PDB file of all heavy atoms in Angstrom:
ATOM      1  N   ALA A   1     -15.388   3.446  -5.615  1.00  0.00           N
ATOM      2  CA  ALA A   1     -16.694   3.648  -4.913  1.00  0.00           C
ATOM      3  C   ALA A   1     -16.462   3.573  -3.428  1.00  0.00           C
ATOM      4  O   ALA A   1     -17.166   4.102  -2.687  1.00  0.00           O
ATOM      5  CB  ALA A   1     -17.705   2.552  -5.311  1.00  0.00           C
ATOM      6  N   LYS A   2     -15.409   2.775  -2.978  1.00  0.00           N
ATOM      7  CA  LYS A   2     -15.218   2.544  -1.551  1.00  0.00           C
ATOM      8  C   LYS A   2     -13.982   3.396  -1.065  1.00  0.00           C
ATOM      9  O   LYS A   2     -13.579   3.354   0.069  1.00  0.00           O
ATOM     10  CB  LYS A   2     -14.985   1.105  -1.126  1.00  0.00           C
ATOM     11  CG  LYS A   2     -16.195   0.186  -1.429  1.00  0.00           C
ATOM     12  CD  LYS A   2     -15.884  -1.218  -1.067  1.00  0.00           C
ATOM     13  CE  LYS A   2     -17.101  -2.101  -1.260  1.00  0.00           C
ATOM     14  NZ  LYS A   2     -16.783  -3.506  -0.883  1.00  0.00           N
ATOM     15  N   ASN A   3     -13.306   4.142  -2.065  1.00  0.00           N
ATOM     16  CA  ASN A   3     -12.097   4.826  -1.714  1.00  0.00           C
ATOM     17  C   ASN A   3     -11.104   3.987  -1.016  1.00  0.00           C
ATOM     18  O   ASN A   3     -10.413   4.374  -0.065  1.00  0.00           O
ATOM     19  CB  ASN A   3     -12.420   6.110  -0.892  1.00  0.00           C
ATOM     20  CG  ASN A   3     -13.238   7.204  -1.635  1.00  0.00           C
ATOM     21  OD1 ASN A   3     -12.955   7.382  -2.782  1.00  0.00           O
ATOM     22  ND2 ASN A   3     -14.288   7.841  -1.024  1.00  0.00           N
ATOM     23  N   THR A   4     -10.888   2.755  -1.585  1.00  0.00           N
ATOM     24  CA  THR A   4     -10.094   1.786  -0.968  1.00  0.00           C
ATOM     25  C   THR A   4      -9.120   1.219  -2.066  1.00  0.00           C
ATOM     26  O   THR A   4      -9.568   0.977  -3.098  1.00  0.00           O
ATOM     27  CB  THR A   4     -10.891   0.615  -0.266  1.00  0.00           C
ATOM     28  OG1 THR A   4     -11.828   1.225   0.664  1.00  0.00           O
ATOM     29  CG2 THR A   4     -10.014  -0.425   0.299  1.00  0.00           C
ATOM     30  N   VAL A   5      -7.894   0.973  -1.507  1.00  0.00           N
ATOM     31  CA  VAL A   5      -6.853   0.299  -2.401  1.00  0.00           C
ATOM     32  C   VAL A   5      -6.520  -1.108  -1.654  1.00  0.00           C
ATOM     33  O   VAL A   5      -6.558  -1.132  -0.487  1.00  0.00           O
ATOM     34  CB  VAL A   5      -5.679   1.060  -2.711  1.00  0.00           C
ATOM     35  CG1 VAL A   5      -6.003   2.197  -3.591  1.00  0.00           C
ATOM     36  CG2 VAL A   5      -4.969   1.608  -1.492  1.00  0.00           C
ATOM     37  N   TYR A   6      -6.177  -2.054  -2.477  1.00  0.00           N
ATOM     38  CA  TYR A   6      -5.813  -3.416  -1.993  1.00  0.00           C
ATOM     39  C   TYR A   6      -4.391  -3.703  -2.594  1.00  0.00           C
ATOM     40  O   TYR A   6      -4.265  -3.598  -3.752  1.00  0.00           O
ATOM     41  CB  TYR A   6      -6.823  -4.407  -2.375  1.00  0.00           C
ATOM     42  CG  TYR A   6      -8.217  -4.009  -1.960  1.00  0.00           C
ATOM     43  CD1 TYR A   6      -9.108  -3.377  -2.878  1.00  0.00           C
ATOM     44  CD2 TYR A   6      -8.684  -4.275  -0.609  1.00  0.00           C
ATOM     45  CE1 TYR A   6     -10.328  -3.126  -2.527  1.00  0.00           C
ATOM     46  CE2 TYR A   6      -9.999  -3.962  -0.300  1.00  0.00           C
ATOM     47  CZ  TYR A   6     -10.808  -3.354  -1.164  1.00  0.00           C
ATOM     48  OH  TYR A   6     -12.064  -2.989  -0.842  1.00  0.00           O
ATOM     49  N   LEU A   7      -3.486  -4.203  -1.669  1.00  0.00           N
ATOM     50  CA  LEU A   7      -2.259  -4.651  -2.233  1.00  0.00           C
ATOM     51  C   LEU A   7      -2.106  -6.094  -1.899  1.00  0.00           C
ATOM     52  O   LEU A   7      -1.925  -6.598  -0.810  1.00  0.00           O
ATOM     53  CB  LEU A   7      -1.062  -3.850  -1.614  1.00  0.00           C
ATOM     54  CG  LEU A   7       0.285  -4.251  -2.033  1.00  0.00           C
ATOM     55  CD1 LEU A   7       0.516  -3.831  -3.429  1.00  0.00           C
ATOM     56  CD2 LEU A   7       1.408  -3.556  -1.209  1.00  0.00           C
ATOM     57  N   GLN A   8      -2.291  -6.913  -2.924  1.00  0.00           N
ATOM     58  CA  GLN A   8      -2.031  -8.330  -2.722  1.00  0.00           C
ATOM     59  C   GLN A   8      -0.615  -8.783  -2.952  1.00  0.00           C
ATOM     60  O   GLN A   8      -0.017  -8.378  -4.015  1.00  0.00           O
ATOM     61  CB  GLN A   8      -2.831  -9.126  -3.863  1.00  0.00           C
ATOM     62  CG  GLN A   8      -2.775 -10.626  -3.757  1.00  0.00           C
ATOM     63  CD  GLN A   8      -3.229 -11.195  -2.567  1.00  0.00           C
ATOM     64  OE1 GLN A   8      -4.410 -10.843  -2.073  1.00  0.00           O
ATOM     65  NE2 GLN A   8      -2.575 -12.176  -1.991  1.00  0.00           N
ATOM     66  N   MET A   9      -0.048  -9.313  -1.945  1.00  0.00           N
ATOM     67  CA  MET A   9       1.384  -9.581  -1.906  1.00  0.00           C
ATOM     68  C   MET A   9       1.633 -11.144  -1.901  1.00  0.00           C
ATOM     69  O   MET A   9       1.303 -11.801  -0.912  1.00  0.00           O
ATOM     70  CB  MET A   9       2.118  -8.938  -0.677  1.00  0.00           C
ATOM     71  CG  MET A   9       1.848  -7.379  -0.552  1.00  0.00           C
ATOM     72  SD  MET A   9       2.822  -6.704   0.761  1.00  0.00           S
ATOM     73  CE  MET A   9       2.036  -7.383   2.200  1.00  0.00           C
ATOM     74  N   ASN A  10       2.133 -11.692  -2.892  1.00  0.00           N
ATOM     75  CA  ASN A  10       2.441 -13.036  -3.116  1.00  0.00           C
ATOM     76  C   ASN A  10       4.022 -13.282  -3.104  1.00  0.00           C
ATOM     77  O   ASN A  10       4.771 -12.325  -3.253  1.00  0.00           O
ATOM     78  CB  ASN A  10       1.808 -13.545  -4.311  1.00  0.00           C
ATOM     79  CG  ASN A  10       0.319 -13.412  -4.330  1.00  0.00           C
ATOM     80  OD1 ASN A  10      -0.320 -13.596  -3.306  1.00  0.00           O
ATOM     81  ND2 ASN A  10      -0.252 -13.302  -5.471  1.00  0.00           N
ATOM     82  N   SER A  11       4.415 -14.515  -2.803  1.00  0.00           N
ATOM     83  CA  SER A  11       5.759 -14.883  -2.893  1.00  0.00           C
ATOM     84  C   SER A  11       6.564 -13.987  -2.065  1.00  0.00           C
ATOM     85  O   SER A  11       7.672 -13.506  -2.576  1.00  0.00           O
ATOM     86  CB  SER A  11       6.312 -14.957  -4.422  1.00  0.00           C
ATOM     87  OG  SER A  11       5.452 -15.846  -5.149  1.00  0.00           O
ATOM     88  N   LEU A  12       6.142 -13.766  -0.858  1.00  0.00           N
ATOM     89  CA  LEU A  12       6.887 -12.811  -0.002  1.00  0.00           C
ATOM     90  C   LEU A  12       8.238 -13.305   0.397  1.00  0.00           C
ATOM     91  O   LEU A  12       8.496 -14.526   0.508  1.00  0.00           O
ATOM     92  CB  LEU A  12       6.049 -12.495   1.220  1.00  0.00           C
ATOM     93  CG  LEU A  12       4.893 -11.561   1.037  1.00  0.00           C
ATOM     94  CD1 LEU A  12       3.854 -11.704   2.095  1.00  0.00           C
ATOM     95  CD2 LEU A  12       5.512 -10.076   0.947  1.00  0.00           C
ATOM     96  N   LYS A  13       9.197 -12.408   0.501  1.00  0.00           N
ATOM     97  CA  LYS A  13      10.656 -12.664   0.880  1.00  0.00           C
ATOM     98  C   LYS A  13      10.961 -11.959   2.172  1.00  0.00           C
ATOM     99  O   LYS A  13      10.359 -10.848   2.496  1.00  0.00           O
ATOM    100  CB  LYS A  13      11.489 -12.213  -0.276  1.00  0.00           C
ATOM    101  CG  LYS A  13      11.143 -12.654  -1.676  1.00  0.00           C
ATOM    102  CD  LYS A  13      12.027 -12.040  -2.740  1.00  0.00           C
ATOM    103  CE  LYS A  13      11.754 -12.410  -4.167  1.00  0.00           C
ATOM    104  NZ  LYS A  13      12.575 -11.713  -5.174  1.00  0.00           N
ATOM    105  N   PRO A  14      11.891 -12.530   2.873  1.00  0.00           N
ATOM    106  CA  PRO A  14      12.343 -11.737   4.060  1.00  0.00           C
ATOM    107  C   PRO A  14      12.682 -10.297   3.838  1.00  0.00           C
ATOM    108  O   PRO A  14      12.455  -9.390   4.765  1.00  0.00           O
ATOM    109  CB  PRO A  14      13.605 -12.606   4.512  1.00  0.00           C
ATOM    110  CG  PRO A  14      13.339 -13.978   3.967  1.00  0.00           C
ATOM    111  CD  PRO A  14      12.622 -13.757   2.670  1.00  0.00           C
ATOM    112  N   GLU A  15      13.128  -9.987   2.689  1.00  0.00           N
ATOM    113  CA  GLU A  15      13.595  -8.596   2.421  1.00  0.00           C
ATOM    114  C   GLU A  15      12.423  -7.772   2.198  1.00  0.00           C
ATOM    115  O   GLU A  15      12.517  -6.487   2.035  1.00  0.00           O
ATOM    116  CB  GLU A  15      14.553  -8.486   1.226  1.00  0.00           C
ATOM    117  CG  GLU A  15      14.084  -9.262  -0.010  1.00  0.00           C
ATOM    118  CD  GLU A  15      14.699 -10.645  -0.098  1.00  0.00           C
ATOM    119  OE1 GLU A  15      14.733 -11.328   0.892  1.00  0.00           O
ATOM    120  OE2 GLU A  15      15.085 -10.966  -1.259  1.00  0.00           O
ATOM    121  N   ASP A  16      11.232  -8.296   2.158  1.00  0.00           N
ATOM    122  CA  ASP A  16       9.928  -7.443   2.048  1.00  0.00           C
ATOM    123  C   ASP A  16       9.492  -6.957   3.433  1.00  0.00           C
ATOM    124  O   ASP A  16       8.595  -6.195   3.516  1.00  0.00           O
ATOM    125  CB  ASP A  16       8.825  -8.259   1.476  1.00  0.00           C
ATOM    126  CG  ASP A  16       9.016  -8.646   0.011  1.00  0.00           C
ATOM    127  OD1 ASP A  16       9.479  -7.728  -0.707  1.00  0.00           O
ATOM    128  OD2 ASP A  16       8.727  -9.665  -0.462  1.00  0.00           O
ATOM    129  N   THR A  17      10.214  -7.426   4.519  1.00  0.00           N
ATOM    130  CA  THR A  17       9.975  -6.933   5.938  1.00  0.00           C
ATOM    131  C   THR A  17      10.046  -5.520   6.015  1.00  0.00           C
ATOM    132  O   THR A  17      11.165  -5.041   5.679  1.00  0.00           O
ATOM    133  CB  THR A  17      10.784  -7.750   6.868  1.00  0.00           C
ATOM    134  OG1 THR A  17      10.535  -9.096   6.873  1.00  0.00           O
ATOM    135  CG2 THR A  17      10.540  -7.187   8.276  1.00  0.00           C
ATOM    136  N   ALA A  18       8.999  -4.788   6.472  1.00  0.00           N
ATOM    137  CA  ALA A  18       9.053  -3.293   6.512  1.00  0.00           C
ATOM    138  C   ALA A  18       7.729  -2.926   7.178  1.00  0.00           C
ATOM    139  O   ALA A  18       6.695  -3.651   7.270  1.00  0.00           O
ATOM    140  CB  ALA A  18       9.281  -2.728   5.190  1.00  0.00           C
ATOM    141  N   VAL A  19       7.691  -1.629   7.424  1.00  0.00           N
ATOM    142  CA  VAL A  19       6.359  -0.998   7.736  1.00  0.00           C
ATOM    143  C   VAL A  19       5.920  -0.481   6.425  1.00  0.00           C
ATOM    144  O   VAL A  19       6.603   0.305   5.736  1.00  0.00           O
ATOM    145  CB  VAL A  19       6.522   0.242   8.798  1.00  0.00           C
ATOM    146  CG1 VAL A  19       5.176   0.824   8.949  1.00  0.00           C
ATOM    147  CG2 VAL A  19       7.114  -0.383  10.159  1.00  0.00           C
ATOM    148  N   TYR A  20       4.623  -0.820   6.017  1.00  0.00           N
ATOM    149  CA  TYR A  20       4.016  -0.433   4.830  1.00  0.00           C
ATOM    150  C   TYR A  20       3.120   0.792   5.102  1.00  0.00           C
ATOM    151  O   TYR A  20       2.153   0.692   5.932  1.00  0.00           O
ATOM    152  CB  TYR A  20       3.298  -1.557   4.203  1.00  0.00           C
ATOM    153  CG  TYR A  20       4.264  -2.554   3.501  1.00  0.00           C
ATOM    154  CD1 TYR A  20       5.073  -3.270   4.324  1.00  0.00           C
ATOM    155  CD2 TYR A  20       4.273  -2.710   2.156  1.00  0.00           C
ATOM    156  CE1 TYR A  20       6.017  -4.306   3.662  1.00  0.00           C
ATOM    157  CE2 TYR A  20       5.115  -3.575   1.547  1.00  0.00           C
ATOM    158  CZ  TYR A  20       6.032  -4.299   2.367  1.00  0.00           C
ATOM    159  OH  TYR A  20       6.879  -5.114   1.714  1.00  0.00           O
ATOM    160  N   TYR A  21       3.234   1.869   4.330  1.00  0.00           N
ATOM    161  CA  TYR A  21       2.463   3.018   4.543  1.00  0.00           C
ATOM    162  C   TYR A  21       1.622   3.272   3.241  1.00  0.00           C
ATOM    163  O   TYR A  21       2.082   3.284   2.143  1.00  0.00           O
ATOM    164  CB  TYR A  21       3.234   4.311   4.746  1.00  0.00           C
ATOM    165  CG  TYR A  21       4.151   4.250   5.895  1.00  0.00           C
ATOM    166  CD1 TYR A  21       5.357   3.649   5.965  1.00  0.00           C
ATOM    167  CD2 TYR A  21       3.614   4.762   7.165  1.00  0.00           C
ATOM    168  CE1 TYR A  21       6.189   3.618   7.084  1.00  0.00           C
ATOM    169  CE2 TYR A  21       4.414   4.691   8.270  1.00  0.00           C
ATOM    170  CZ  TYR A  21       5.639   4.214   8.278  1.00  0.00           C
ATOM    171  OH  TYR A  21       6.410   4.177   9.407  1.00  0.00           O
ATOM    172  N   CYS A  22       0.357   3.596   3.456  1.00  0.00           N
ATOM    173  CA  CYS A  22      -0.525   3.979   2.396  1.00  0.00           C
ATOM    174  C   CYS A  22      -0.459   5.411   2.207  1.00  0.00           C
ATOM    175  O   CYS A  22      -0.216   6.312   3.074  1.00  0.00           O
ATOM    176  CB  CYS A  22      -2.005   3.586   2.850  1.00  0.00           C
ATOM    177  SG  CYS A  22      -3.274   4.071   1.636  1.00  0.00           S
ATOM    178  N   ASN A  23      -0.641   5.826   0.884  1.00  0.00           N
ATOM    179  CA  ASN A  23      -0.484   7.218   0.534  1.00  0.00           C
ATOM    180  C   ASN A  23      -1.664   7.582  -0.428  1.00  0.00           C
ATOM    181  O   ASN A  23      -2.044   6.849  -1.264  1.00  0.00           O
ATOM    182  CB  ASN A  23       0.832   7.482  -0.184  1.00  0.00           C
ATOM    183  CG  ASN A  23       0.996   8.852  -0.703  1.00  0.00           C
ATOM    184  OD1 ASN A  23       0.634   9.130  -1.783  1.00  0.00           O
ATOM    185  ND2 ASN A  23       1.538   9.714   0.040  1.00  0.00           N
ATOM    186  N   ALA A  24      -2.200   8.755  -0.278  1.00  0.00           N
ATOM    187  CA  ALA A  24      -3.243   9.218  -1.069  1.00  0.00           C
ATOM    188  C   ALA A  24      -3.045  10.675  -1.531  1.00  0.00           C
ATOM    189  O   ALA A  24      -2.789  11.557  -0.676  1.00  0.00           O
ATOM    190  CB  ALA A  24      -4.584   8.979  -0.425  1.00  0.00           C
ATOM    191  N   GLU A  25      -3.332  10.933  -2.689  1.00  0.00           N
ATOM    192  CA  GLU A  25      -3.255  12.322  -3.273  1.00  0.00           C
ATOM    193  C   GLU A  25      -4.728  12.875  -3.267  1.00  0.00           C
ATOM    194  O   GLU A  25      -5.581  12.360  -3.965  1.00  0.00           O
ATOM    195  CB  GLU A  25      -2.714  12.309  -4.651  1.00  0.00           C
ATOM    196  CG  GLU A  25      -2.738  13.733  -5.298  1.00  0.00           C
ATOM    197  CD  GLU A  25      -2.311  13.687  -6.753  1.00  0.00           C
ATOM    198  OE1 GLU A  25      -2.514  12.599  -7.305  1.00  0.00           O
ATOM    199  OE2 GLU A  25      -2.092  14.779  -7.317  1.00  0.00           O
ATOM    200  N   VAL A  26      -4.937  13.934  -2.471  1.00  0.00           N
ATOM    201  CA  VAL A  26      -6.121  14.715  -2.576  1.00  0.00           C
ATOM    202  C   VAL A  26      -5.626  16.174  -2.798  1.00  0.00           C
ATOM    203  O   VAL A  26      -5.252  16.890  -1.855  1.00  0.00           O
ATOM    204  CB  VAL A  26      -7.001  14.680  -1.303  1.00  0.00           C
ATOM    205  CG1 VAL A  26      -8.250  15.467  -1.464  1.00  0.00           C
ATOM    206  CG2 VAL A  26      -7.270  13.213  -1.048  1.00  0.00           C
ATOM    207  N   ALA A  27      -5.678  16.590  -4.009  1.00  0.00           N
ATOM    208  CA  ALA A  27      -4.992  17.823  -4.455  1.00  0.00           C
ATOM    209  C   ALA A  27      -5.469  19.001  -3.630  1.00  0.00           C
ATOM    210  O   ALA A  27      -6.616  19.088  -3.281  1.00  0.00           O
ATOM    211  CB  ALA A  27      -5.388  18.111  -5.991  1.00  0.00           C
ATOM    212  N   PRO A  28      -4.468  19.835  -3.126  1.00  0.00           N
ATOM    213  CA  PRO A  28      -3.100  19.768  -3.546  1.00  0.00           C
ATOM    214  C   PRO A  28      -2.249  19.078  -2.557  1.00  0.00           C
ATOM    215  O   PRO A  28      -0.951  19.238  -2.566  1.00  0.00           O
ATOM    216  CB  PRO A  28      -2.757  21.324  -3.537  1.00  0.00           C
ATOM    217  CG  PRO A  28      -3.520  21.834  -2.359  1.00  0.00           C
ATOM    218  CD  PRO A  28      -4.882  21.031  -2.415  1.00  0.00           C
ATOM    219  N   SER A  29      -2.788  18.268  -1.661  1.00  0.00           N
ATOM    220  CA  SER A  29      -2.084  17.644  -0.568  1.00  0.00           C
ATOM    221  C   SER A  29      -1.805  16.076  -0.731  1.00  0.00           C
ATOM    222  O   SER A  29      -2.582  15.441  -1.593  1.00  0.00           O
ATOM    223  CB  SER A  29      -2.726  17.877   0.775  1.00  0.00           C
ATOM    224  OG  SER A  29      -2.792  19.252   1.007  1.00  0.00           O
TER     225      SER A  29
END
């Protein structure tokens, strides 16, 4: 309904360090 996604990240590790990018499919793109 809100066209929103949520990523809950627990027990984070140093190797999780990164730039996180959201992606969405709206056919055909």
